[in-house]
C-alpha atoms as a PDB file:
ATOM      1  CA  MET A   1     162.883  -5.804   9.231  1.00  0.00           C
ATOM      2  CA  SER A   2     162.450  -2.945   7.495  1.00  0.00           C
ATOM      3  CA  ILE A   3     165.466  -0.755   6.573  1.00  0.00           C
ATOM      4  CA  MET A   4     165.475   2.823   7.706  1.00  0.00           C
ATOM      5  CA  ASN A   5     166.209   5.650   5.450  1.00  0.00           C
ATOM      6  CA  ASN A   6     168.525   8.073   7.368  1.00  0.00           C
ATOM      7  CA  VAL A   7     169.254  10.101   4.619  1.00  0.00           C
ATOM      8  CA  ASP A   8     168.722  13.472   6.119  1.00  0.00           C
ATOM      9  CA  SER A   9     166.118  15.808   4.380  1.00  0.00           C
ATOM     10  CA  PRO A  10     167.679  18.667   2.731  1.00  0.00           C
ATOM     11  CA  LYS A  11     168.027  22.485   4.212  1.00  0.00           C
ATOM     12  CA  PRO A  12     165.624  24.959   3.091  1.00  0.00           C
ATOM     13  CA  SER A  13     167.399  27.478   0.700  1.00  0.00           C
ATOM     14  CA  VAL A  14     168.116  30.767   1.834  1.00  0.00           C
ATOM     15  CA  MET A  15     165.959  32.366  -0.904  1.00  0.00           C
ATOM     16  CA  SER A  16     163.101  30.095   0.895  1.00  0.00           C
ATOM     17  CA  THR A  17     164.126  30.802   4.251  1.00  0.00           C
ATOM     18  CA  LEU A  18     164.023  34.790   3.246  1.00  0.00           C
ATOM     19  CA  ARG A  19     160.709  34.162   1.894  1.00  0.00           C
ATOM     20  CA  VAL A  20     159.292  32.549   4.868  1.00  0.00           C
ATOM     21  CA  GLN A  21     160.613  35.391   7.266  1.00  0.00           C
ATOM     22  CA  GLY A  22     158.552  38.027   4.880  1.00  0.00           C
ATOM     23  CA  GLN A  23     155.471  36.215   5.119  1.00  0.00           C
ATOM     24  CA  VAL A  24     156.145  36.074   9.055  1.00  0.00           C
ATOM     25  CA  ILE A  25     156.923  40.110   9.123  1.00  0.00           C
ATOM     26  CA  TYR A  26     154.049  41.128   6.805  1.00  0.00           C
ATOM     27  CA  ALA A  27     151.930  38.825   9.040  1.00  0.00           C
ATOM     28  CA  LEU A  28     152.756  40.424  11.953  1.00  0.00           C
ATOM     29  CA  ILE A  29     152.432  43.859  10.557  1.00  0.00           C
ATOM     30  CA  MET A  30     149.089  43.571   9.528  1.00  0.00           C
ATOM     31  CA  ARG A  31     148.172  42.184  13.015  1.00  0.00           C
ATOM     32  CA  GLU A  32     149.690  45.673  14.344  1.00  0.00           C
ATOM     33  CA  ILE A  33     147.514  47.385  11.993  1.00  0.00           C
ATOM     34  CA  ILE A  34     144.520  45.809  13.219  1.00  0.00           C
ATOM     35  CA  THR A  35     145.335  45.407  16.845  1.00  0.00           C
ATOM     36  CA  ARG A  36     145.726  49.101  17.084  1.00  0.00           C
ATOM     37  CA  PHE A  37     143.651  50.925  14.447  1.00  0.00           C
ATOM     38  CA  GLY A  38     140.668  48.280  13.723  1.00  0.00           C
ATOM     39  CA  ARG A  39     139.127  46.683  10.392  1.00  0.00           C
ATOM     40  CA  LYS A  40     136.975  49.815  10.146  1.00  0.00           C
ATOM     41  CA  ASN A  41     136.682  53.356   9.532  1.00  0.00           C
ATOM     42  CA  LEU A  42     140.141  54.863   8.666  1.00  0.00           C
ATOM     43  CA  GLY A  43     142.323  52.067   9.971  1.00  0.00           C
ATOM     44  CA  PHE A  44     145.961  52.305   9.299  1.00  0.00           C
ATOM     45  CA  LEU A  45     145.431  55.976   8.099  1.00  0.00           C
ATOM     46  CA  TRP A  46     144.637  57.535  11.612  1.00  0.00           C
ATOM     47  CA  PHE A  47     148.173  56.872  12.360  1.00  0.00           C
ATOM     48  CA  ALA A  48     149.294  59.192   9.598  1.00  0.00           C
ATOM     49  CA  LEU A  49     146.725  61.466  10.395  1.00  0.00           C
ATOM     50  CA  GLU A  50     147.810  62.562  13.688  1.00  0.00           C
ATOM     51  CA  PRO A  51     151.229  63.885  12.852  1.00  0.00           C
ATOM     52  CA  ILE A  52     149.740  65.635   9.699  1.00  0.00           C
ATOM     53  CA  ILE A  53     146.984  67.331  11.862  1.00  0.00           C
ATOM     54  CA  LEU A  54     149.537  68.316  14.576  1.00  0.00           C
ATOM     55  CA  ALA A  55     151.775  69.473  12.215  1.00  0.00           C
ATOM     56  CA  ALA A  56     149.587  71.511   9.681  1.00  0.00           C
ATOM     57  CA  GLY A  57     147.729  73.260  13.133  1.00  0.00           C
ATOM     58  CA  VAL A  58     150.838  74.648  13.976  1.00  0.00           C
ATOM     59  CA  VAL A  59     152.163  75.842  10.439  1.00  0.00           C
ATOM     60  CA  ALA A  60     148.385  77.171  10.219  1.00  0.00           C
ATOM     61  CA  ILE A  61     149.000  79.170  13.751  1.00  0.00           C
ATOM     62  CA  ARG A  62     152.341  80.562  12.250  1.00  0.00           C
ATOM     63  CA  ILE A  63     151.056  81.444   8.592  1.00  0.00           C
ATOM     64  CA  VAL A  64     148.177  83.713  10.326  1.00  0.00           C
ATOM     65  CA  MET A  65     150.703  85.390  12.328  1.00  0.00           C
ATOM     66  CA  HIS A  66     153.075  85.978   9.658  1.00  0.00           C
ATOM     67  CA  THR A  67     156.085  84.744  11.416  1.00  0.00           C
ATOM     68  CA  ASN A  68     159.077  82.876  10.257  1.00  0.00           C
ATOM     69  CA  PHE A  69     162.164  81.094  12.147  1.00  0.00           C
ATOM     70  CA  ARG A  70     164.364  83.967  11.488  1.00  0.00           C
ATOM     71  CA  SER A  71     165.051  83.707   7.445  1.00  0.00           C
ATOM     72  CA  ALA A  72     163.657  80.136   7.508  1.00  0.00           C
ATOM     73  CA  PRO A  73     160.525  79.792   5.659  1.00  0.00           C
ATOM     74  CA  ILE A  74     157.867  78.105   8.770  1.00  0.00           C
ATOM     75  CA  ALA A  75     156.378  75.581   6.447  1.00  0.00           C
ATOM     76  CA  PRO A  76     159.218  73.729   5.449  1.00  0.00           C
ATOM     77  CA  PHE A  77     161.063  74.300   8.859  1.00  0.00           C
ATOM     78  CA  ILE A  78     158.183  72.623  10.685  1.00  0.00           C
ATOM     79  CA  VAL A  79     157.322  69.446   8.604  1.00  0.00           C
ATOM     80  CA  ILE A  80     161.132  68.800   8.304  1.00  0.00           C
ATOM     81  CA  SER A  81     161.849  69.401  12.367  1.00  0.00           C
ATOM     82  CA  TYR A  82     158.590  67.637  13.352  1.00  0.00           C
ATOM     83  CA  CYS A  83     158.841  64.474  10.929  1.00  0.00           C
ATOM     84  CA  ASN A  84     162.446  63.879  12.224  1.00  0.00           C
ATOM     85  CA  LEU A  85     161.278  64.499  16.109  1.00  0.00           C
ATOM     86  CA  MET A  86     158.111  61.958  15.569  1.00  0.00           C
ATOM     87  CA  VAL A  87     160.174  59.269  14.007  1.00  0.00           C
ATOM     88  CA  TRP A  88     162.593  58.786  16.617  1.00  0.00           C
ATOM     89  CA  ARG A  89     160.216  59.547  19.317  1.00  0.00           C
ATOM     90  CA  LEU A  90     157.623  56.888  18.026  1.00  0.00           C
ATOM     91  CA  CYS A  91     159.744  54.463  17.710  1.00  0.00           C
ATOM     92  CA  ALA A  92     161.380  54.242  20.738  1.00  0.00           C
ATOM     93  CA  SER A  93     157.747  54.490  22.701  1.00  0.00           C
ATOM     94  CA  ARG A  94     156.636  51.452  20.191  1.00  0.00           C
ATOM     95  CA  GLY A  95     160.219  49.402  20.665  1.00  0.00           C
ATOM     96  CA  MET A  96     159.588  49.317  24.672  1.00  0.00           C
ATOM     97  CA  VAL A  97     156.445  47.730  24.574  1.00  0.00           C
ATOM     98  CA  ALA A  98     156.807  45.405  21.573  1.00  0.00           C
ATOM     99  CA  ILE A  99     157.954  42.287  23.599  1.00  0.00           C
ATOM    100  CA  GLU A 100     155.423  42.427  25.898  1.00  0.00           C
ATOM    101  CA  SER A 101     153.090  43.275  23.317  1.00  0.00           C
ATOM    102  CA  ASN A 102     153.696  40.186  21.455  1.00  0.00           C
ATOM    103  CA  ARG A 103     154.942  37.871  23.725  1.00  0.00           C
ATOM    104  CA  SER A 104     151.975  35.228  23.051  1.00  0.00           C
ATOM    105  CA  LEU A 105     153.046  35.013  19.520  1.00  0.00           C
ATOM    106  CA  LEU A 106     157.238  33.839  20.515  1.00  0.00           C
ATOM    107  CA  TYR A 107     155.548  30.296  21.785  1.00  0.00           C
ATOM    108  CA  TYR A 108     155.517  29.859  17.243  1.00  0.00           C
ATOM    109  CA  ARG A 109     158.954  28.616  16.237  1.00  0.00           C
ATOM    110  CA  GLN A 110     158.513  31.112  13.105  1.00  0.00           C
ATOM    111  CA  ILE A 111     158.111  33.987  15.001  1.00  0.00           C
ATOM    112  CA  ARG A 112     161.505  35.622  16.390  1.00  0.00           C
ATOM    113  CA  ILE A 113     162.517  38.466  18.588  1.00  0.00           C
ATOM    114  CA  GLN A 114     163.941  40.455  15.397  1.00  0.00           C
ATOM    115  CA  ASP A 115     160.415  39.712  13.854  1.00  0.00           C
ATOM    116  CA  ILE A 116     158.584  41.672  15.883  1.00  0.00           C
ATOM    117  CA  PHE A 117     161.248  44.709  16.168  1.00  0.00           C
ATOM    118  CA  THR A 118     161.400  44.702  12.557  1.00  0.00           C
ATOM    119  CA  ALA A 119     157.652  44.465  11.893  1.00  0.00           C
ATOM    120  CA  ARG A 120     157.048  47.109  14.582  1.00  0.00           C
ATOM    121  CA  MET A 121     159.901  49.638  13.715  1.00  0.00           C
ATOM    122  CA  LEU A 122     158.703  49.285   9.735  1.00  0.00           C
ATOM    123  CA  LEU A 123     155.401  50.171  10.412  1.00  0.00           C
ATOM    124  CA  GLU A 124     156.452  53.128  12.461  1.00  0.00           C
ATOM    125  CA  VAL A 125     159.003  54.121  10.113  1.00  0.00           C
ATOM    126  CA  ALA A 126     156.167  53.824   7.247  1.00  0.00           C
ATOM    127  CA  GLY A 127     153.576  55.749   9.012  1.00  0.00           C
ATOM    128  CA  VAL A 128     155.663  59.022   9.866  1.00  0.00           C
ATOM    129  CA  THR A 129     157.503  58.806   6.156  1.00  0.00           C
ATOM    130  CA  THR A 130     153.900  58.770   4.932  1.00  0.00           C
ATOM    131  CA  SER A 131     152.885  62.020   6.906  1.00  0.00           C
ATOM    132  CA  PHE A 132     155.927  63.911   5.793  1.00  0.00           C
ATOM    133  CA  LEU A 133     155.243  63.180   1.809  1.00  0.00           C
ATOM    134  CA  PHE A 134     151.705  64.075   2.353  1.00  0.00           C
ATOM    135  CA  LEU A 135     152.670  67.148   4.145  1.00  0.00           C
ATOM    136  CA  TRP A 136     155.347  67.871   1.722  1.00  0.00           C
ATOM    137  CA  LEU A 137     152.919  67.146  -1.266  1.00  0.00           C
ATOM    138  CA  LEU A 138     150.008  69.272   0.572  1.00  0.00           C
ATOM    139  CA  PHE A 139     152.480  72.465   0.871  1.00  0.00           C
ATOM    140  CA  ALA A 140     154.093  72.168  -2.200  1.00  0.00           C
ATOM    141  CA  PHE A 141     149.887  72.676  -3.848  1.00  0.00           C
ATOM    142  CA  MET A 142     149.652  75.590  -1.252  1.00  0.00           C
ATOM    143  CA  GLY A 143     152.707  77.348  -2.741  1.00  0.00           C
ATOM    144  CA  LEU A 144     154.527  76.692   1.046  1.00  0.00           C
ATOM    145  CA  MET A 145     157.107  74.244  -0.216  1.00  0.00           C
ATOM    146  CA  THR A 146     158.897  73.677  -2.837  1.00  0.00           C
ATOM    147  CA  TRP A 147     161.451  70.770  -4.749  1.00  0.00           C
ATOM    148  CA  PRO A 148     164.579  70.057  -2.654  1.00  0.00           C
ATOM    149  CA  LYS A 149     167.700  71.594  -3.832  1.00  0.00           C
ATOM    150  CA  ASP A 150     169.290  68.402  -2.824  1.00  0.00           C
ATOM    151  CA  PRO A 151     166.683  65.235  -3.186  1.00  0.00           C
ATOM    152  CA  LEU A 152     169.540  62.832  -2.837  1.00  0.00           C
ATOM    153  CA  LEU A 153     170.961  64.183   0.579  1.00  0.00           C
ATOM    154  CA  MET A 154     167.691  65.167   1.804  1.00  0.00           C
ATOM    155  CA  ALA A 155     166.999  61.688   1.185  1.00  0.00           C
ATOM    156  CA  THR A 156     169.811  60.164   2.902  1.00  0.00           C
ATOM    157  CA  GLY A 157     169.494  62.481   6.233  1.00  0.00           C
ATOM    158  CA  TRP A 158     165.672  60.853   6.354  1.00  0.00           C
ATOM    159  CA  LEU A 159     166.985  57.290   5.574  1.00  0.00           C
ATOM    160  CA  LEU A 160     169.375  57.690   8.563  1.00  0.00           C
ATOM    161  CA  ALA A 161     166.802  59.261  10.615  1.00  0.00           C
ATOM    162  CA  CYS A 162     164.764  56.406  10.254  1.00  0.00           C
ATOM    163  CA  TRP A 163     167.646  54.152  10.791  1.00  0.00           C
ATOM    164  CA  PHE A 164     168.896  55.440  14.110  1.00  0.00           C
ATOM    165  CA  ALA A 165     165.187  55.389  15.457  1.00  0.00           C
ATOM    166  CA  ALA A 166     164.882  51.895  14.570  1.00  0.00           C
ATOM    167  CA  SER A 167     167.930  50.929  16.259  1.00  0.00           C
ATOM    168  CA  LEU A 168     166.941  52.947  18.615  1.00  0.00           C
ATOM    169  CA  GLY A 169     163.597  51.559  19.497  1.00  0.00           C
ATOM    170  CA  THR A 170     164.843  48.561  19.281  1.00  0.00           C
ATOM    171  CA  PHE A 171     167.743  48.310  21.711  1.00  0.00           C
ATOM    172  CA  LEU A 172     165.356  50.164  24.438  1.00  0.00           C
ATOM    173  CA  GLY A 173     162.813  47.437  23.782  1.00  0.00           C
ATOM    174  CA  CYS A 174     165.598  45.018  24.569  1.00  0.00           C
ATOM    175  CA  LEU A 175     166.962  46.991  27.519  1.00  0.00           C
ATOM    176  CA  SER A 176     163.911  47.592  29.239  1.00  0.00           C
ATOM    177  CA  HIS A 177     162.887  43.803  29.435  1.00  0.00           C
ATOM    178  CA  PHE A 178     165.665  43.738  31.474  1.00  0.00           C
ATOM    179  CA  PHE A 179     166.182  46.887  33.819  1.00  0.00           C
ATOM    180  CA  GLU A 180     162.447  47.862  34.007  1.00  0.00           C
ATOM    181  CA  VAL A 181     163.842  51.617  35.125  1.00  0.00           C
ATOM    182  CA  VAL A 182     164.332  52.241  31.676  1.00  0.00           C
ATOM    183  CA  ASP A 183     160.294  52.504  31.154  1.00  0.00           C
ATOM    184  CA  ARG A 184     160.220  55.417  33.340  1.00  0.00           C
ATOM    185  CA  ILE A 185     163.717  56.881  32.959  1.00  0.00           C
ATOM    186  CA  TRP A 186     163.128  57.375  29.110  1.00  0.00           C
ATOM    187  CA  PRO A 187     160.335  60.011  28.872  1.00  0.00           C
ATOM    188  CA  PRO A 188     162.118  62.446  31.001  1.00  0.00           C
ATOM    189  CA  ILE A 189     165.796  61.654  28.766  1.00  0.00           C
ATOM    190  CA  SER A 190     163.859  61.699  25.462  1.00  0.00           C
ATOM    191  CA  HIS A 191     162.965  65.474  26.595  1.00  0.00           C
ATOM    192  CA  PHE A 192     165.369  66.522  27.570  1.00  0.00           C
ATOM    193  CA  LEU A 193     167.126  65.331  24.366  1.00  0.00           C
ATOM    194  CA  MET A 194     164.429  67.195  21.994  1.00  0.00           C
ATOM    195  CA  ILE A 195     165.498  70.159  23.708  1.00  0.00           C
ATOM    196  CA  PHE A 196     168.918  69.873  22.694  1.00  0.00           C
ATOM    197  CA  SER A 197     168.382  68.093  19.077  1.00  0.00           C
ATOM    198  CA  ALA A 198     167.878  71.362  17.117  1.00  0.00           C
ATOM    199  CA  VAL A 199     163.878  70.791  16.427  1.00  0.00           C
ATOM    200  CA  PHE A 200     163.023  74.364  17.093  1.00  0.00           C
ATOM    201  CA  TYR A 201     166.523  76.090  16.001  1.00  0.00           C
ATOM    202  CA  GLU A 202     169.021  75.645  13.584  1.00  0.00           C
ATOM    203  CA  VAL A 203     172.846  75.170  14.940  1.00  0.00           C
ATOM    204  CA  ASP A 204     173.717  77.648  13.423  1.00  0.00           C
ATOM    205  CA  TRP A 205     172.249  79.764  15.533  1.00  0.00           C
ATOM    206  CA  LEU A 206     173.840  78.892  18.567  1.00  0.00           C
ATOM    207  CA  PRO A 207     177.089  80.393  19.858  1.00  0.00           C
ATOM    208  CA  LYS A 208     180.287  77.866  18.629  1.00  0.00           C
ATOM    209  CA  ILE A 209     180.985  76.862  22.281  1.00  0.00           C
ATOM    210  CA  LEU A 210     177.705  75.540  22.286  1.00  0.00           C
ATOM    211  CA  GLN A 211     177.550  74.104  18.363  1.00  0.00           C
ATOM    212  CA  ARG A 212     180.105  71.512  19.330  1.00  0.00           C
ATOM    213  CA  TRP A 213     178.354  70.660  22.715  1.00  0.00           C
ATOM    214  CA  ILE A 214     174.812  70.029  20.849  1.00  0.00           C
ATOM    215  CA  LEU A 215     176.366  68.196  17.968  1.00  0.00           C
ATOM    216  CA  ILE A 216     177.239  65.145  20.790  1.00  0.00           C
ATOM    217  CA  ASN A 217     173.760  64.298  20.491  1.00  0.00           C
ATOM    218  CA  PRO A 218     173.116  62.355  17.123  1.00  0.00           C
ATOM    219  CA  PHE A 219     169.815  63.400  16.842  1.00  0.00           C
ATOM    220  CA  VAL A 220     170.715  66.385  15.705  1.00  0.00           C
ATOM    221  CA  HIS A 221     172.568  65.393  12.621  1.00  0.00           C
ATOM    222  CA  PRO A 222     169.693  63.634  10.980  1.00  0.00           C
ATOM    223  CA  ILE A 223     167.812  67.019  10.845  1.00  0.00           C
ATOM    224  CA  GLU A 224     170.314  69.011   9.775  1.00  0.00           C
ATOM    225  CA  MET A 225     171.092  66.791   7.002  1.00  0.00           C
ATOM    226  CA  THR A 226     167.393  66.973   5.972  1.00  0.00           C
ATOM    227  CA  ARG A 227     167.381  70.842   6.150  1.00  0.00           C
ATOM    228  CA  ALA A 228     170.417  71.214   3.814  1.00  0.00           C
ATOM    229  CA  GLY A 229     168.779  68.852   1.407  1.00  0.00           C
ATOM    230  CA  TYR A 230     165.876  70.976   1.153  1.00  0.00           C
ATOM    231  CA  TRP A 231     167.498  74.572   1.191  1.00  0.00           C
ATOM    232  CA  GLY A 232     171.063  73.494  -0.331  1.00  0.00           C
ATOM    233  CA  ASP A 233     174.386  72.376   1.570  1.00  0.00           C
ATOM    234  CA  GLY A 234     176.422  75.041   2.973  1.00  0.00           C
ATOM    235  CA  PRO A 235     178.758  76.248   5.526  1.00  0.00           C
ATOM    236  CA  HIS A 236     175.576  76.857   7.779  1.00  0.00           C
ATOM    237  CA  TRP A 237     174.420  73.664   8.042  1.00  0.00           C
ATOM    238  CA  HIS A 238     176.330  71.093  10.954  1.00  0.00           C
ATOM    239  CA  TYR A 239     176.108  67.588  10.510  1.00  0.00           C
ATOM    240  CA  SER A 240     178.306  64.921   9.826  1.00  0.00           C
ATOM    241  CA  MET A 241     177.014  61.883   8.164  1.00  0.00           C
ATOM    242  CA  MET A 242     180.006  59.625   9.426  1.00  0.00           C
ATOM    243  CA  TYR A 243     179.328  60.363  12.921  1.00  0.00           C
ATOM    244  CA  LEU A 244     176.008  59.288  12.453  1.00  0.00           C
ATOM    245  CA  THR A 245     176.237  56.419  10.522  1.00  0.00           C
ATOM    246  CA  GLY A 246     178.593  55.199  13.320  1.00  0.00           C
ATOM    247  CA  ALA A 247     176.103  55.938  15.981  1.00  0.00           C
ATOM    248  CA  CYS A 248     173.637  54.056  13.900  1.00  0.00           C
ATOM    249  CA  MET A 249     175.673  50.791  13.515  1.00  0.00           C
ATOM    250  CA  THR A 250     176.266  51.291  17.154  1.00  0.00           C
ATOM    251  CA  LEU A 251     172.860  51.056  18.268  1.00  0.00           C
ATOM    252  CA  THR A 252     172.024  48.139  15.892  1.00  0.00           C
ATOM    253  CA  LEU A 253     174.753  45.842  16.475  1.00  0.00           C
ATOM    254  CA  ALA A 254     174.027  46.912  20.426  1.00  0.00           C
ATOM    255  CA  SER A 255     170.431  45.313  19.531  1.00  0.00           C
ATOM    256  CA  GLY A 256     171.575  42.388  17.575  1.00  0.00           C
ATOM    257  CA  LEU A 257     173.697  41.035  20.695  1.00  0.00           C
ATOM    258  CA  LEU A 258     170.912  41.788  23.025  1.00  0.00           C
ATOM    259  CA  MET A 259     168.420  40.046  20.750  1.00  0.00           C
ATOM    260  CA  ARG A 260     170.472  36.788  20.527  1.00  0.00           C
ATOM    261  CA  ASN A 261     169.754  36.469  24.476  1.00  0.00           C
ATOM    262  CA  GLN A 262     167.104  33.425  24.772  1.00  0.00           C
ATOM    263  CA  ALA A 263     166.020  35.697  28.122  1.00  0.00           C
ATOM    264  CA  LEU A 264     164.121  37.960  26.001  1.00  0.00           C
ATOM    265  CA  ARG A 265     161.593  35.109  25.421  1.00  0.00           C
ATOM    266  CA  SER A 266     160.497  34.417  28.900  1.00  0.00           C
ATOM    267  CA  PRO A 267     158.353  36.960  31.133  1.00  0.00           C
ATOM    268  CA  ARG A 268     159.824  40.077  33.088  1.00  0.00           C
ATOM    269  CA  SER A 269     161.302  38.304  36.187  1.00  0.00           C
END
């Protein structure tokens, strides 16, 4: 008669668990890059080149026309505004199709819903950030942009913009699984929010009564923060770091609660 050893196997340490999840997220990012951009030619660089080409084209037209946005130099105004716009629009649009695009991977025990969204949001943020830095260096070399007056404030504004965009994309991705109407109503909503997000103007240019209303939109605050970091903080910049952080935390918490629902691993009904 054999004696059975009932001693439980040791639980994996926190570091080993984090290492495994890191490998999973890295594998998902590489799969996303290969699936979307292929193995040949420029590959991932195409993702960074798209916003670079569009922003550079707009700046070139403005330079040829010798026009500015009021007193704001055209190059930094467009680079900052356009990159802020791109990060939340790309994260939102890619987030809404993240689950359906990777549903076959959910049969693997190691892959969770959180890993899929983390990989996709990191990829979108990395692509736009690369474009931002490249355009900044390019226009600095051309003498159209300079070193920011407050680098810490500018970096903080950009990090909060990326956090808000990633949490928004994750939230919309989870919500669209339960309500297909989200896929249809978000595009017009995003265009409406874009008009009232201070992408094409500064909040200070608006009448006081409109400033109070437009600052309800969280998209406005990271744009104004990055502008304040570039040109130097002052009373003509309107933003609230506390309000933006609260919006990011609210969306992150809501996304975390939605991702705990096991129904996300099942096909849409």
